Amino acid sequence: MVCKNLKEIRTAKGVTQSHLAKKLCISTMTYSRMENLESMLND
């Protein structure tokens, strides 16, 4: 599952959700929801 892989890769690299969210120009809450399958990006 893609979202599970996101979290596993992120934690293995020692990267925070906040850091990735900033790089993706999205809020930390949006990134967190992506990892938890609560929402998906529309585009």
C-alpha atoms as a PDB file:
ATOM      1  CA  MET A   1       0.000   0.000   0.000  1.00  0.00           C
ATOM      2  CA  VAL A   2       1.418   3.363  -1.032  1.00  0.00           C
ATOM      3  CA  CYS A   3       0.558   5.279   2.141  1.00  0.00           C
ATOM      4  CA  LYS A   4       2.098   2.619   4.368  1.00  0.00           C
ATOM      5  CA  ASN A   5       5.242   2.746   2.243  1.00  0.00           C
ATOM      6  CA  LEU A   6       5.383   6.530   2.571  1.00  0.00           C
ATOM      7  CA  LYS A   7       5.525   6.285   6.340  1.00  0.00           C
ATOM      8  CA  GLU A   8       8.031   3.423   6.371  1.00  0.00           C
ATOM      9  CA  ILE A   9      10.400   5.182   3.973  1.00  0.00           C
ATOM     10  CA  ARG A  10      10.017   8.518   5.756  1.00  0.00           C
ATOM     11  CA  THR A  11      10.774   7.060   9.177  1.00  0.00           C
ATOM     12  CA  ALA A  12      13.656   4.940   7.867  1.00  0.00           C
ATOM     13  CA  LYS A  13      15.265   8.094   6.465  1.00  0.00           C
ATOM     14  CA  GLY A  14      14.647  10.002   9.711  1.00  0.00           C
ATOM     15  CA  VAL A  15      12.516  12.638   7.996  1.00  0.00           C
ATOM     16  CA  THR A  16       9.601  14.308   9.743  1.00  0.00           C
ATOM     17  CA  GLN A  17       6.121  14.776   8.347  1.00  0.00           C
ATOM     18  CA  SER A  18       6.594  18.513   8.727  1.00  0.00           C
ATOM     19  CA  HIS A  19       9.751  18.501   6.605  1.00  0.00           C
ATOM     20  CA  LEU A  20       8.119  16.557   3.787  1.00  0.00           C
ATOM     21  CA  ALA A  21       4.988  18.675   3.933  1.00  0.00           C
ATOM     22  CA  LYS A  22       7.070  21.826   3.478  1.00  0.00           C
ATOM     23  CA  LYS A  23       8.893  20.268   0.502  1.00  0.00           C
ATOM     24  CA  LEU A  24       5.539  19.322  -1.069  1.00  0.00           C
ATOM     25  CA  CYS A  25       3.997  22.748  -0.325  1.00  0.00           C
ATOM     26  CA  ILE A  26       1.165  21.224   1.688  1.00  0.00           C
ATOM     27  CA  SER A  27       0.210  21.441   5.347  1.00  0.00           C
ATOM     28  CA  THR A  28       1.549  18.976   7.881  1.00  0.00           C
ATOM     29  CA  MET A  29      -2.053  17.929   8.589  1.00  0.00           C
ATOM     30  CA  THR A  30      -2.625  17.137   4.903  1.00  0.00           C
ATOM     31  CA  TYR A  31       0.520  15.028   4.776  1.00  0.00           C
ATOM     32  CA  SER A  32      -0.485  13.224   7.954  1.00  0.00           C
ATOM     33  CA  ARG A  33      -3.890  12.454   6.473  1.00  0.00           C
ATOM     34  CA  MET A  34      -2.229  11.093   3.339  1.00  0.00           C
ATOM     35  CA  GLU A  35      -0.206   8.670   5.447  1.00  0.00           C
ATOM     36  CA  ASN A  36      -3.339   7.673   7.333  1.00  0.00           C
ATOM     37  CA  LEU A  37      -5.503   7.252   4.208  1.00  0.00           C
ATOM     38  CA  GLU A  38      -7.907   9.979   5.329  1.00  0.00           C
ATOM     39  CA  SER A  39      -7.529  12.074   2.206  1.00  0.00           C
ATOM     40  CA  MET A  40      -5.862  12.013  -1.168  1.00  0.00           C
ATOM     41  CA  LEU A  41      -4.559  14.885  -3.252  1.00  0.00           C
ATOM     42  CA  ASN A  42      -6.834  15.943  -6.068  1.00  0.00           C
ATOM     43  CA  ASP A  43      -4.954  16.713  -9.281  1.00  0.00           C
END
